[in-house]
Every structure is written in structure tokens, then in C-alpha cells.
């Protein structure tokens, strides 16, 4: 068992019943709100033809879908740890597999979205020919396949572990990504893949940003469109940075446990969890829901209608 997992276990085991109820509530409430917003945003992106037939909205739907799944799985694992529920290795492995899959799809989707903005600004006359619905679908399929190969490789590495030597398939620790690292090779592979993924994604987005800046200086380029694309690429870079920080959560937690008391660690752990895992998964909905003039009115309409329906249902039930 890794030190990061050991630290997480020690923290959750030390919680009193009141602490567990309070902290679970404090994390579940914002998670439910953000899941609601993401769900409405996903529905919005499928509600009109323009969203279903525009490449950047199709890519946004794919990004939001994976981030929503990540948020839901993260909260499930958090609540399982808070309730001191230990899963079996196969069940935990399936949850971690889906979490790993969606976690790696997000940065790759951000890269594809950045390249789409680059083509839109630098090659506006060829944009409709290059960025077609078919090519967008192919790009999304490639992203999912590439991410699935990473999960498949992780599964192959697990096959070398002698599970028959275990007394039981019941886990002794809470389900977490590091709990499934049975040998140093799995850990090193995950670390190398994560470094490669984020370095490559960062380079791709930065190159797209530089390309847009260079194109903006051309007299033939639409300045307003170039400025908007540049701001969008900067936001993609911020999203990528937040996604990278989430992979460093355990390392941050281990460092914190060495310098502060257990009570303070519990509070910091909860704050880090909400700020690093929950909030960034809703950032795409907030960014595009507010910035995009096409999405904004439709999103607000669906949000208001559903809030009114919730209020009416609550009154009726009373």
C-alpha cells in the first residue's frame, strides 16, 4: 500500500460520526449542484440542431460528459471512504478503471478543442472542410480508444500480481487509485503516462495559442474572432492545469500530513477535494454557459424551467 493511500486511510479512520456526516454533507451538496448544472448543460447541448451539428459543441458535450462522470465517481469514492465501506478488489478495479478512463479523456479533448479553434482562426476558409462532423466524430473515437488503451495496459500489468496469495478479495484499505498499484511497475507506468499526456497536451495548446497570436497580426484575420479564440485557449490551458493539479492531490495530502495536526488535515483534505476534484469538473459548464452567446439563453431557459419545476414539485409534495 502506498504512503498516499495510507495517509488517506488514517485521515478517514480518525473521523468521528459527526465529522463524517458534516463533511459528507458539505461535499455532497456542491457536488449535487454541479451535477445538476452539468446535467442541464448536457441536455442543452442535445436540445437544438445547431448544437448537435456544430463540431465545437459536439466536443464540448464529450468534455462535459467525461467530467460529469469523473465528478460522480469521485463523490462515490469519497462517500465510501467517509462511511468506512471497503469494497472488493474487482468492484474497486471497475470504478477506478472508469475513473481513469474519463480522467485521461478530458485533457485530450481539450487538445482537440484547441486545435479546432486554431483551424478556425488560422484557416477560416478551410475550416468547414477540415472540421466536419465526421472528422469530429473520428477525433472523439480516437481519443476514447487511446485512453482505453491506457486502461487496458493497466489491466495487463495487474494480471502479473498473484491474487491467489491474497487471503480474501476484500480490500483492507478504502478504494482509491493508489490502492490498485500492486507493484512498482504499475505506479511508474501511471506516472510516466500522466507526465507524457499533460506535457504533450500543454505543448499542443501553447502552440495553438501562439499560432492564433501570429494569425491575429495578419490583416486578413478577423480580430474579434482571433481575440475570442485566444481567450478560449487560455481557458483551456487553465482547465488543463486544474486537471493536472488533481493528479497531485495525494502528494499534496502526504506533504500536509507531515506539518499539521490531524483535525486540520481533515478540514484541508475536504477543501482540497472540493477545490481540486469537484469545482474544476463544473468549470466547463460555467465558462461556456456564460461566455457563449448561443448557449447562454438556452441554458438559462432550461435552468430556470427546471428550478421552477423543482419548486412546484416541492410545494405539491408538502
C-alpha atoms as a PDB file:
ATOM      1  CA  UNK A   1       0.000   0.000   0.000  1.00  0.00           C
ATOM      2  CA  UNK A   2       1.394   3.405  -0.965  1.00  0.00           C
ATOM      3  CA  UNK A   3       2.012   6.118   1.591  1.00  0.00           C
ATOM      4  CA  UNK A   4      -0.593   8.338  -0.049  1.00  0.00           C
ATOM      5  CA  UNK A   5      -3.273   5.695   0.407  1.00  0.00           C
ATOM      6  CA  UNK A   6      -2.089   5.060   3.966  1.00  0.00           C
ATOM      7  CA  UNK A   7      -2.459   8.768   4.750  1.00  0.00           C
ATOM      8  CA  UNK A   8      -5.923   8.904   3.256  1.00  0.00           C
ATOM      9  CA  UNK A   9      -6.925   5.842   5.271  1.00  0.00           C
ATOM     10  CA  UNK A  10      -5.556   7.264   8.515  1.00  0.00           C
ATOM     11  CA  UNK A  11      -7.466  10.501   7.985  1.00  0.00           C
ATOM     12  CA  UNK A  12     -10.826   8.867   7.300  1.00  0.00           C
ATOM     13  CA  UNK A  13     -10.473   6.299  10.062  1.00  0.00           C
ATOM     14  CA  UNK A  14      -9.947   9.112  12.574  1.00  0.00           C
ATOM     15  CA  UNK A  15     -13.220  10.844  11.736  1.00  0.00           C
ATOM     16  CA  UNK A  16     -15.964  10.868  14.333  1.00  0.00           C
ATOM     17  CA  UNK A  17     -19.544  10.163  13.258  1.00  0.00           C
ATOM     18  CA  UNK A  18     -20.436  13.862  13.433  1.00  0.00           C
ATOM     19  CA  UNK A  19     -17.377  14.817  11.341  1.00  0.00           C
ATOM     20  CA  UNK A  20     -18.216  12.234   8.734  1.00  0.00           C
ATOM     21  CA  UNK A  21     -21.836  13.404   8.452  1.00  0.00           C
ATOM     22  CA  UNK A  22     -20.878  17.083   8.298  1.00  0.00           C
ATOM     23  CA  UNK A  23     -18.046  16.681   5.804  1.00  0.00           C
ATOM     24  CA  UNK A  24     -20.046  14.289   3.630  1.00  0.00           C
ATOM     25  CA  UNK A  25     -22.869  16.834   3.547  1.00  0.00           C
ATOM     26  CA  UNK A  26     -20.507  19.719   2.787  1.00  0.00           C
ATOM     27  CA  UNK A  27     -19.047  17.850  -0.182  1.00  0.00           C
ATOM     28  CA  UNK A  28     -22.256  16.236  -1.427  1.00  0.00           C
ATOM     29  CA  UNK A  29     -24.274  19.470  -1.617  1.00  0.00           C
ATOM     30  CA  UNK A  30     -21.928  21.324  -4.021  1.00  0.00           C
ATOM     31  CA  UNK A  31     -21.399  18.090  -5.939  1.00  0.00           C
ATOM     32  CA  UNK A  32     -25.166  17.681  -6.448  1.00  0.00           C
ATOM     33  CA  UNK A  33     -25.479  21.338  -7.521  1.00  0.00           C
ATOM     34  CA  UNK A  34     -22.656  20.979 -10.035  1.00  0.00           C
ATOM     35  CA  UNK A  35     -24.014  17.648 -11.290  1.00  0.00           C
ATOM     36  CA  UNK A  36     -27.370  19.357 -11.812  1.00  0.00           C
ATOM     37  CA  UNK A  37     -25.745  22.212 -13.763  1.00  0.00           C
ATOM     38  CA  UNK A  38     -23.689  19.790 -15.856  1.00  0.00           C
ATOM     39  CA  UNK A  39     -26.770  17.655 -16.496  1.00  0.00           C
ATOM     40  CA  UNK A  40     -28.761  20.667 -17.707  1.00  0.00           C
ATOM     41  CA  UNK A  41     -25.804  21.741 -19.842  1.00  0.00           C
ATOM     42  CA  UNK A  42     -25.593  18.274 -21.414  1.00  0.00           C
ATOM     43  CA  UNK A  43     -29.327  18.362 -22.103  1.00  0.00           C
ATOM     44  CA  UNK A  44     -28.956  21.846 -23.604  1.00  0.00           C
ATOM     45  CA  UNK A  45     -26.244  20.654 -25.980  1.00  0.00           C
ATOM     46  CA  UNK A  46     -28.600  17.951 -27.278  1.00  0.00           C
ATOM     47  CA  UNK A  47     -31.728  20.111 -27.381  1.00  0.00           C
ATOM     48  CA  UNK A  48     -31.100  22.029 -30.604  1.00  0.00           C
ATOM     49  CA  UNK A  49     -29.860  21.087 -34.047  1.00  0.00           C
ATOM     50  CA  UNK A  50     -27.178  23.795 -34.079  1.00  0.00           C
ATOM     51  CA  UNK A  51     -25.516  22.216 -31.048  1.00  0.00           C
ATOM     52  CA  UNK A  52     -25.755  18.678 -32.419  1.00  0.00           C
ATOM     53  CA  UNK A  53     -24.303  19.671 -35.797  1.00  0.00           C
ATOM     54  CA  UNK A  54     -21.508  22.045 -34.753  1.00  0.00           C
ATOM     55  CA  UNK A  55     -18.112  20.480 -34.069  1.00  0.00           C
ATOM     56  CA  UNK A  56     -17.091  22.626 -31.117  1.00  0.00           C
ATOM     57  CA  UNK A  57     -20.373  21.917 -29.336  1.00  0.00           C
ATOM     58  CA  UNK A  58     -20.008  18.198 -30.023  1.00  0.00           C
ATOM     59  CA  UNK A  59     -16.512  18.323 -28.495  1.00  0.00           C
ATOM     60  CA  UNK A  60     -17.857  20.311 -25.550  1.00  0.00           C
ATOM     61  CA  UNK A  61     -20.526  17.656 -24.971  1.00  0.00           C
ATOM     62  CA  UNK A  62     -17.836  14.958 -24.893  1.00  0.00           C
ATOM     63  CA  UNK A  63     -15.761  17.007 -22.419  1.00  0.00           C
ATOM     64  CA  UNK A  64     -18.740  17.680 -20.152  1.00  0.00           C
ATOM     65  CA  UNK A  65     -19.831  14.044 -20.245  1.00  0.00           C
ATOM     66  CA  UNK A  66     -16.442  12.768 -19.072  1.00  0.00           C
ATOM     67  CA  UNK A  67     -16.119  15.487 -16.419  1.00  0.00           C
ATOM     68  CA  UNK A  68     -19.600  14.713 -15.079  1.00  0.00           C
ATOM     69  CA  UNK A  69     -18.728  11.017 -14.810  1.00  0.00           C
ATOM     70  CA  UNK A  70     -15.476  11.946 -13.048  1.00  0.00           C
ATOM     71  CA  UNK A  71     -17.326  14.117 -10.549  1.00  0.00           C
ATOM     72  CA  UNK A  72     -19.898  11.432  -9.784  1.00  0.00           C
ATOM     73  CA  UNK A  73     -17.265   8.696  -9.350  1.00  0.00           C
ATOM     74  CA  UNK A  74     -15.077  10.930  -7.165  1.00  0.00           C
ATOM     75  CA  UNK A  75     -18.004  11.666  -4.860  1.00  0.00           C
ATOM     76  CA  UNK A  76     -18.956   7.996  -4.665  1.00  0.00           C
ATOM     77  CA  UNK A  77     -15.411   7.068  -3.620  1.00  0.00           C
ATOM     78  CA  UNK A  78     -15.334   9.941  -1.114  1.00  0.00           C
ATOM     79  CA  UNK A  79     -18.595   8.848   0.495  1.00  0.00           C
ATOM     80  CA  UNK A  80     -17.464   5.207   0.603  1.00  0.00           C
ATOM     81  CA  UNK A  81     -14.309   6.269   2.454  1.00  0.00           C
ATOM     82  CA  UNK A  82     -16.267   8.572   4.785  1.00  0.00           C
ATOM     83  CA  UNK A  83     -18.685   5.732   5.616  1.00  0.00           C
ATOM     84  CA  UNK A  84     -15.751   3.337   6.094  1.00  0.00           C
ATOM     85  CA  UNK A  85     -17.047   0.981   3.427  1.00  0.00           C
ATOM     86  CA  UNK A  86     -14.382  -1.244   1.908  1.00  0.00           C
ATOM     87  CA  UNK A  87     -15.048  -2.804  -1.481  1.00  0.00           C
ATOM     88  CA  UNK A  88     -13.695  -5.943  -3.077  1.00  0.00           C
ATOM     89  CA  UNK A  89     -10.764  -5.590  -5.453  1.00  0.00           C
ATOM     90  CA  UNK A  90     -12.825  -6.394  -8.603  1.00  0.00           C
ATOM     91  CA  UNK A  91     -15.508  -3.782  -7.784  1.00  0.00           C
ATOM     92  CA  UNK A  92     -12.924  -1.151  -6.877  1.00  0.00           C
ATOM     93  CA  UNK A  93     -10.977  -2.003 -10.020  1.00  0.00           C
ATOM     94  CA  UNK A  94     -14.010  -1.370 -12.244  1.00  0.00           C
ATOM     95  CA  UNK A  95     -14.714   2.002 -10.590  1.00  0.00           C
ATOM     96  CA  UNK A  96     -11.071   3.065 -10.831  1.00  0.00           C
ATOM     97  CA  UNK A  97     -10.958   1.879 -14.456  1.00  0.00           C
ATOM     98  CA  UNK A  98     -13.846   4.154 -15.469  1.00  0.00           C
ATOM     99  CA  UNK A  99     -12.416   6.997 -13.376  1.00  0.00           C
ATOM    100  CA  UNK A 100      -9.028   6.573 -15.045  1.00  0.00           C
ATOM    101  CA  UNK A 101     -10.612   6.443 -18.491  1.00  0.00           C
ATOM    102  CA  UNK A 102     -12.607   9.661 -18.123  1.00  0.00           C
ATOM    103  CA  UNK A 103      -9.748  11.415 -16.340  1.00  0.00           C
ATOM    104  CA  UNK A 104      -7.442  10.877 -19.313  1.00  0.00           C
ATOM    105  CA  UNK A 105     -10.094  11.776 -21.907  1.00  0.00           C
ATOM    106  CA  UNK A 106     -10.547  15.332 -20.596  1.00  0.00           C
ATOM    107  CA  UNK A 107      -7.054  16.709 -21.442  1.00  0.00           C
ATOM    108  CA  UNK A 108      -7.104  15.004 -24.846  1.00  0.00           C
ATOM    109  CA  UNK A 109     -10.491  16.553 -25.616  1.00  0.00           C
ATOM    110  CA  UNK A 110      -9.123  19.974 -24.607  1.00  0.00           C
ATOM    111  CA  UNK A 111      -6.330  19.457 -27.146  1.00  0.00           C
ATOM    112  CA  UNK A 112      -8.810  18.653 -29.926  1.00  0.00           C
ATOM    113  CA  UNK A 113     -10.924  21.692 -28.972  1.00  0.00           C
ATOM    114  CA  UNK A 114      -7.804  23.888 -29.064  1.00  0.00           C
ATOM    115  CA  UNK A 115      -6.838  22.593 -32.499  1.00  0.00           C
ATOM    116  CA  UNK A 116     -10.382  23.310 -33.715  1.00  0.00           C
ATOM    117  CA  UNK A 117     -10.061  26.947 -32.578  1.00  0.00           C
ATOM    118  CA  UNK A 118      -6.626  27.144 -34.221  1.00  0.00           C
ATOM    119  CA  UNK A 119      -8.022  25.983 -37.560  1.00  0.00           C
ATOM    120  CA  UNK A 120     -10.998  28.346 -37.232  1.00  0.00           C
ATOM    121  CA  UNK A 121      -8.706  31.379 -36.893  1.00  0.00           C
ATOM    122  CA  UNK A 122      -5.696  30.427 -38.994  1.00  0.00           C
ATOM    123  CA  UNK A 123      -7.551  28.648 -41.815  1.00  0.00           C
ATOM    124  CA  UNK A 124     -11.050  30.189 -41.817  1.00  0.00           C
ATOM    125  CA  UNK A 125     -11.730  29.363 -45.486  1.00  0.00           C
ATOM    126  CA  UNK A 126     -10.860  25.691 -44.983  1.00  0.00           C
ATOM    127  CA  UNK A 127     -12.422  25.342 -41.519  1.00  0.00           C
ATOM    128  CA  UNK A 128     -15.714  23.913 -42.780  1.00  0.00           C
ATOM    129  CA  UNK A 129     -13.855  21.383 -44.933  1.00  0.00           C
ATOM    130  CA  UNK A 130     -11.410  20.284 -42.215  1.00  0.00           C
ATOM    131  CA  UNK A 131     -13.621  20.437 -39.121  1.00  0.00           C
ATOM    132  CA  UNK A 132     -16.574  18.365 -40.272  1.00  0.00           C
ATOM    133  CA  UNK A 133     -18.972  16.372 -38.111  1.00  0.00           C
ATOM    134  CA  UNK A 134     -17.436  13.167 -39.446  1.00  0.00           C
ATOM    135  CA  UNK A 135     -13.870  14.271 -38.634  1.00  0.00           C
ATOM    136  CA  UNK A 136     -15.014  15.417 -35.203  1.00  0.00           C
ATOM    137  CA  UNK A 137     -16.591  12.011 -34.530  1.00  0.00           C
ATOM    138  CA  UNK A 138     -13.374  10.304 -35.673  1.00  0.00           C
ATOM    139  CA  UNK A 139     -11.318  12.529 -33.344  1.00  0.00           C
ATOM    140  CA  UNK A 140     -13.569  11.690 -30.385  1.00  0.00           C
ATOM    141  CA  UNK A 141     -13.366   7.963 -31.166  1.00  0.00           C
ATOM    142  CA  UNK A 142      -9.550   8.179 -31.366  1.00  0.00           C
ATOM    143  CA  UNK A 143      -9.455   9.969 -28.001  1.00  0.00           C
ATOM    144  CA  UNK A 144     -11.601   7.266 -26.380  1.00  0.00           C
ATOM    145  CA  UNK A 145      -9.570   4.447 -27.960  1.00  0.00           C
ATOM    146  CA  UNK A 146      -6.244   5.998 -26.903  1.00  0.00           C
ATOM    147  CA  UNK A 147      -7.498   6.439 -23.341  1.00  0.00           C
ATOM    148  CA  UNK A 148      -8.924   2.907 -23.339  1.00  0.00           C
ATOM    149  CA  UNK A 149      -5.524   1.503 -24.362  1.00  0.00           C
ATOM    150  CA  UNK A 150      -4.043   3.098 -21.255  1.00  0.00           C
ATOM    151  CA  UNK A 151      -6.665   1.378 -19.085  1.00  0.00           C
ATOM    152  CA  UNK A 152      -6.083  -1.903 -20.934  1.00  0.00           C
ATOM    153  CA  UNK A 153      -2.342  -1.624 -20.273  1.00  0.00           C
ATOM    154  CA  UNK A 154      -3.034  -1.034 -16.583  1.00  0.00           C
ATOM    155  CA  UNK A 155      -5.196  -4.166 -16.506  1.00  0.00           C
ATOM    156  CA  UNK A 156      -2.427  -6.214 -18.165  1.00  0.00           C
ATOM    157  CA  UNK A 157       0.047  -5.022 -15.524  1.00  0.00           C
ATOM    158  CA  UNK A 158      -2.366  -6.140 -12.813  1.00  0.00           C
ATOM    159  CA  UNK A 159      -2.508  -9.665 -14.246  1.00  0.00           C
ATOM    160  CA  UNK A 160       1.056 -10.303 -13.057  1.00  0.00           C
ATOM    161  CA  UNK A 161       0.016  -9.819  -9.440  1.00  0.00           C
ATOM    162  CA  UNK A 162      -0.512 -13.136  -7.556  1.00  0.00           C
ATOM    163  CA  UNK A 163      -4.121 -12.609  -6.453  1.00  0.00           C
ATOM    164  CA  UNK A 164      -4.307 -16.257  -5.351  1.00  0.00           C
ATOM    165  CA  UNK A 165      -1.925 -15.396  -2.494  1.00  0.00           C
ATOM    166  CA  UNK A 166      -4.429 -12.966  -1.008  1.00  0.00           C
ATOM    167  CA  UNK A 167      -6.445 -14.229   1.953  1.00  0.00           C
ATOM    168  CA  UNK A 168      -9.556 -12.540   0.571  1.00  0.00           C
ATOM    169  CA  UNK A 169     -10.608 -10.280  -2.309  1.00  0.00           C
ATOM    170  CA  UNK A 170     -11.989  -7.878   0.314  1.00  0.00           C
ATOM    171  CA  UNK A 171      -9.851  -4.733   0.362  1.00  0.00           C
ATOM    172  CA  UNK A 172      -8.109  -3.774   3.608  1.00  0.00           C
ATOM    173  CA  UNK A 173      -7.973  -0.116   2.522  1.00  0.00           C
ATOM    174  CA  UNK A 174     -10.521   2.238   1.034  1.00  0.00           C
ATOM    175  CA  UNK A 175     -10.956   2.195  -2.730  1.00  0.00           C
ATOM    176  CA  UNK A 176      -8.619   4.698  -4.403  1.00  0.00           C
ATOM    177  CA  UNK A 177      -6.411   4.812  -7.474  1.00  0.00           C
ATOM    178  CA  UNK A 178      -3.248   4.157  -5.479  1.00  0.00           C
ATOM    179  CA  UNK A 179      -4.884   1.143  -3.838  1.00  0.00           C
ATOM    180  CA  UNK A 180      -4.727  -0.608  -7.218  1.00  0.00           C
ATOM    181  CA  UNK A 181      -0.946  -0.158  -7.586  1.00  0.00           C
ATOM    182  CA  UNK A 182       0.179  -3.643  -6.584  1.00  0.00           C
ATOM    183  CA  UNK A 183       3.727  -3.322  -7.875  1.00  0.00           C
ATOM    184  CA  UNK A 184       6.227  -0.529  -8.637  1.00  0.00           C
ATOM    185  CA  UNK A 185       5.851  -1.079 -12.391  1.00  0.00           C
ATOM    186  CA  UNK A 186       2.161  -0.069 -12.331  1.00  0.00           C
ATOM    187  CA  UNK A 187       2.982   3.059 -10.366  1.00  0.00           C
ATOM    188  CA  UNK A 188       5.869   4.022 -12.642  1.00  0.00           C
ATOM    189  CA  UNK A 189       3.789   3.381 -15.762  1.00  0.00           C
ATOM    190  CA  UNK A 190       0.945   5.579 -14.482  1.00  0.00           C
ATOM    191  CA  UNK A 191       3.375   8.354 -13.577  1.00  0.00           C
ATOM    192  CA  UNK A 192       5.144   8.210 -16.957  1.00  0.00           C
ATOM    193  CA  UNK A 193       1.841   8.163 -18.883  1.00  0.00           C
ATOM    194  CA  UNK A 194       0.483  11.110 -16.881  1.00  0.00           C
ATOM    195  CA  UNK A 195       3.641  13.158 -17.484  1.00  0.00           C
ATOM    196  CA  UNK A 196       3.607  12.345 -21.188  1.00  0.00           C
ATOM    197  CA  UNK A 197      -0.088  13.161 -21.528  1.00  0.00           C
ATOM    198  CA  UNK A 198       0.000  16.518 -19.787  1.00  0.00           C
ATOM    199  CA  UNK A 199       3.290  17.681 -21.318  1.00  0.00           C
ATOM    200  CA  UNK A 200       2.012  16.801 -24.805  1.00  0.00           C
ATOM    201  CA  UNK A 201      -1.344  18.473 -24.160  1.00  0.00           C
ATOM    202  CA  UNK A 202       0.330  21.609 -22.803  1.00  0.00           C
ATOM    203  CA  UNK A 203       2.635  21.868 -25.812  1.00  0.00           C
ATOM    204  CA  UNK A 204      -0.278  21.399 -28.228  1.00  0.00           C
ATOM    205  CA  UNK A 205      -2.416  24.093 -26.563  1.00  0.00           C
ATOM    206  CA  UNK A 206       0.506  26.555 -26.280  1.00  0.00           C
ATOM    207  CA  UNK A 207       1.405  26.016 -29.948  1.00  0.00           C
ATOM    208  CA  UNK A 208      -2.232  26.634 -30.910  1.00  0.00           C
ATOM    209  CA  UNK A 209      -2.200  29.806 -28.810  1.00  0.00           C
ATOM    210  CA  UNK A 210       0.996  31.064 -30.471  1.00  0.00           C
ATOM    211  CA  UNK A 211      -0.457  30.246 -33.892  1.00  0.00           C
ATOM    212  CA  UNK A 212      -3.578  32.278 -33.107  1.00  0.00           C
ATOM    213  CA  UNK A 213      -1.480  35.242 -31.904  1.00  0.00           C
ATOM    214  CA  UNK A 214       0.571  35.179 -35.104  1.00  0.00           C
ATOM    215  CA  UNK A 215      -2.571  34.915 -37.224  1.00  0.00           C
ATOM    216  CA  UNK A 216      -4.173  37.829 -35.338  1.00  0.00           C
ATOM    217  CA  UNK A 217      -1.460  40.141 -36.671  1.00  0.00           C
ATOM    218  CA  UNK A 218      -2.481  39.384 -40.250  1.00  0.00           C
ATOM    219  CA  UNK A 219      -4.675  41.991 -41.917  1.00  0.00           C
ATOM    220  CA  UNK A 220      -6.972  39.297 -43.331  1.00  0.00           C
ATOM    221  CA  UNK A 221      -7.807  37.803 -39.932  1.00  0.00           C
ATOM    222  CA  UNK A 222     -10.967  38.734 -38.048  1.00  0.00           C
ATOM    223  CA  UNK A 223      -9.557  40.486 -34.951  1.00  0.00           C
ATOM    224  CA  UNK A 224     -12.623  39.840 -32.788  1.00  0.00           C
ATOM    225  CA  UNK A 225     -12.642  36.139 -33.672  1.00  0.00           C
ATOM    226  CA  UNK A 226      -8.893  35.850 -33.009  1.00  0.00           C
ATOM    227  CA  UNK A 227      -9.248  37.587 -29.634  1.00  0.00           C
ATOM    228  CA  UNK A 228     -12.091  35.280 -28.607  1.00  0.00           C
ATOM    229  CA  UNK A 229     -10.143  32.199 -29.731  1.00  0.00           C
ATOM    230  CA  UNK A 230      -7.089  33.379 -27.791  1.00  0.00           C
ATOM    231  CA  UNK A 231      -9.133  33.793 -24.609  1.00  0.00           C
ATOM    232  CA  UNK A 232     -10.678  30.353 -25.137  1.00  0.00           C
ATOM    233  CA  UNK A 233      -7.240  28.750 -25.495  1.00  0.00           C
ATOM    234  CA  UNK A 234      -6.085  30.441 -22.296  1.00  0.00           C
ATOM    235  CA  UNK A 235      -9.106  28.988 -20.519  1.00  0.00           C
ATOM    236  CA  UNK A 236      -8.267  25.562 -21.930  1.00  0.00           C
ATOM    237  CA  UNK A 237      -4.768  25.944 -20.514  1.00  0.00           C
ATOM    238  CA  UNK A 238      -6.236  26.806 -17.099  1.00  0.00           C
ATOM    239  CA  UNK A 239      -8.561  23.783 -17.295  1.00  0.00           C
ATOM    240  CA  UNK A 240      -5.597  21.573 -18.174  1.00  0.00           C
ATOM    241  CA  UNK A 241      -3.649  22.983 -15.229  1.00  0.00           C
ATOM    242  CA  UNK A 242      -6.518  22.249 -12.825  1.00  0.00           C
ATOM    243  CA  UNK A 243      -6.767  18.721 -14.220  1.00  0.00           C
ATOM    244  CA  UNK A 244      -3.027  18.269 -13.641  1.00  0.00           C
ATOM    245  CA  UNK A 245      -3.318  19.555 -10.062  1.00  0.00           C
ATOM    246  CA  UNK A 246      -5.983  16.908  -9.380  1.00  0.00           C
ATOM    247  CA  UNK A 247      -3.420  14.208 -10.177  1.00  0.00           C
ATOM    248  CA  UNK A 248      -1.146  15.704  -7.492  1.00  0.00           C
ATOM    249  CA  UNK A 249      -3.821  15.510  -4.770  1.00  0.00           C
ATOM    250  CA  UNK A 250      -2.302  12.569  -2.913  1.00  0.00           C
ATOM    251  CA  UNK A 251       1.176  14.111  -2.979  1.00  0.00           C
ATOM    252  CA  UNK A 252      -0.179  17.367  -1.552  1.00  0.00           C
ATOM    253  CA  UNK A 253      -2.063  15.463   1.139  1.00  0.00           C
ATOM    254  CA  UNK A 254       1.017  13.478   2.151  1.00  0.00           C
ATOM    255  CA  UNK A 255       3.071  16.677   2.457  1.00  0.00           C
ATOM    256  CA  UNK A 256       0.357  18.373   4.544  1.00  0.00           C
ATOM    257  CA  UNK A 257       0.037  15.459   6.987  1.00  0.00           C
ATOM    258  CA  UNK A 258       3.683  15.931   7.969  1.00  0.00           C
ATOM    259  CA  UNK A 259       3.292  19.534   9.121  1.00  0.00           C
ATOM    260  CA  UNK A 260      -0.221  19.972  10.575  1.00  0.00           C
ATOM    261  CA  UNK A 261      -2.474  18.236  13.108  1.00  0.00           C
ATOM    262  CA  UNK A 262      -4.994  15.544  12.173  1.00  0.00           C
ATOM    263  CA  UNK A 263      -8.006  17.810  12.797  1.00  0.00           C
ATOM    264  CA  UNK A 264      -6.620  20.459  10.473  1.00  0.00           C
ATOM    265  CA  UNK A 265      -5.710  17.813   7.886  1.00  0.00           C
ATOM    266  CA  UNK A 266      -9.351  16.671   7.782  1.00  0.00           C
ATOM    267  CA  UNK A 267     -10.504  20.208   7.007  1.00  0.00           C
ATOM    268  CA  UNK A 268      -7.750  20.829   4.460  1.00  0.00           C
ATOM    269  CA  UNK A 269      -8.488  17.473   2.832  1.00  0.00           C
ATOM    270  CA  UNK A 270     -12.143  18.447   2.363  1.00  0.00           C
ATOM    271  CA  UNK A 271     -11.262  21.886   0.972  1.00  0.00           C
ATOM    272  CA  UNK A 272      -8.734  20.372  -1.440  1.00  0.00           C
ATOM    273  CA  UNK A 273     -11.237  17.765  -2.536  1.00  0.00           C
ATOM    274  CA  UNK A 274     -13.920  20.366  -3.351  1.00  0.00           C
ATOM    275  CA  UNK A 275     -11.467  22.793  -4.994  1.00  0.00           C
ATOM    276  CA  UNK A 276      -9.416  20.221  -6.911  1.00  0.00           C
ATOM    277  CA  UNK A 277     -11.924  17.488  -7.782  1.00  0.00           C
ATOM    278  CA  UNK A 278     -15.418  18.980  -7.668  1.00  0.00           C
ATOM    279  CA  UNK A 279     -15.242  22.607  -8.788  1.00  0.00           C
ATOM    280  CA  UNK A 280     -12.979  22.098 -11.866  1.00  0.00           C
ATOM    281  CA  UNK A 281     -15.429  19.463 -13.190  1.00  0.00           C
ATOM    282  CA  UNK A 282     -18.099  22.174 -13.397  1.00  0.00           C
ATOM    283  CA  UNK A 283     -15.807  24.832 -14.834  1.00  0.00           C
ATOM    284  CA  UNK A 284     -16.578  23.972 -18.463  1.00  0.00           C
ATOM    285  CA  UNK A 285     -20.315  24.436 -17.915  1.00  0.00           C
ATOM    286  CA  UNK A 286     -19.758  27.769 -16.198  1.00  0.00           C
ATOM    287  CA  UNK A 287     -17.266  29.008 -18.807  1.00  0.00           C
ATOM    288  CA  UNK A 288     -19.241  28.082 -21.912  1.00  0.00           C
ATOM    289  CA  UNK A 289     -22.630  28.682 -20.339  1.00  0.00           C
ATOM    290  CA  UNK A 290     -21.695  32.291 -19.574  1.00  0.00           C
ATOM    291  CA  UNK A 291     -19.328  33.165 -22.446  1.00  0.00           C
ATOM    292  CA  UNK A 292     -21.081  31.547 -25.398  1.00  0.00           C
ATOM    293  CA  UNK A 293     -23.914  33.767 -26.623  1.00  0.00           C
ATOM    294  CA  UNK A 294     -25.562  30.842 -28.420  1.00  0.00           C
ATOM    295  CA  UNK A 295     -25.599  28.530 -25.397  1.00  0.00           C
ATOM    296  CA  UNK A 296     -26.341  31.115 -22.701  1.00  0.00           C
ATOM    297  CA  UNK A 297     -30.037  31.873 -23.434  1.00  0.00           C
ATOM    298  CA  UNK A 298     -30.891  28.194 -23.991  1.00  0.00           C
ATOM    299  CA  UNK A 299     -29.036  27.117 -20.843  1.00  0.00           C
ATOM    300  CA  UNK A 300     -30.700  29.803 -18.714  1.00  0.00           C
ATOM    301  CA  UNK A 301     -34.102  28.816 -20.089  1.00  0.00           C
ATOM    302  CA  UNK A 302     -33.616  25.148 -19.161  1.00  0.00           C
ATOM    303  CA  UNK A 303     -32.106  26.015 -15.773  1.00  0.00           C
ATOM    304  CA  UNK A 304     -34.976  28.342 -14.860  1.00  0.00           C
ATOM    305  CA  UNK A 305     -37.625  25.886 -16.047  1.00  0.00           C
ATOM    306  CA  UNK A 306     -36.137  23.061 -14.010  1.00  0.00           C
ATOM    307  CA  UNK A 307     -35.763  25.240 -10.926  1.00  0.00           C
ATOM    308  CA  UNK A 308     -39.423  26.277 -11.226  1.00  0.00           C
ATOM    309  CA  UNK A 309     -40.479  22.645 -11.662  1.00  0.00           C
ATOM    310  CA  UNK A 310     -38.454  21.687  -8.553  1.00  0.00           C
ATOM    311  CA  UNK A 311     -40.151  24.409  -6.504  1.00  0.00           C
ATOM    312  CA  UNK A 312     -43.626  23.405  -7.745  1.00  0.00           C
ATOM    313  CA  UNK A 313     -42.943  19.713  -7.018  1.00  0.00           C
ATOM    314  CA  UNK A 314     -41.768  20.592  -3.514  1.00  0.00           C
ATOM    315  CA  UNK A 315     -44.966  22.586  -2.849  1.00  0.00           C
ATOM    316  CA  UNK A 316     -47.157  19.787  -4.178  1.00  0.00           C
ATOM    317  CA  UNK A 317     -45.414  17.197  -2.018  1.00  0.00           C
ATOM    318  CA  UNK A 318     -45.924  19.403   1.035  1.00  0.00           C
END
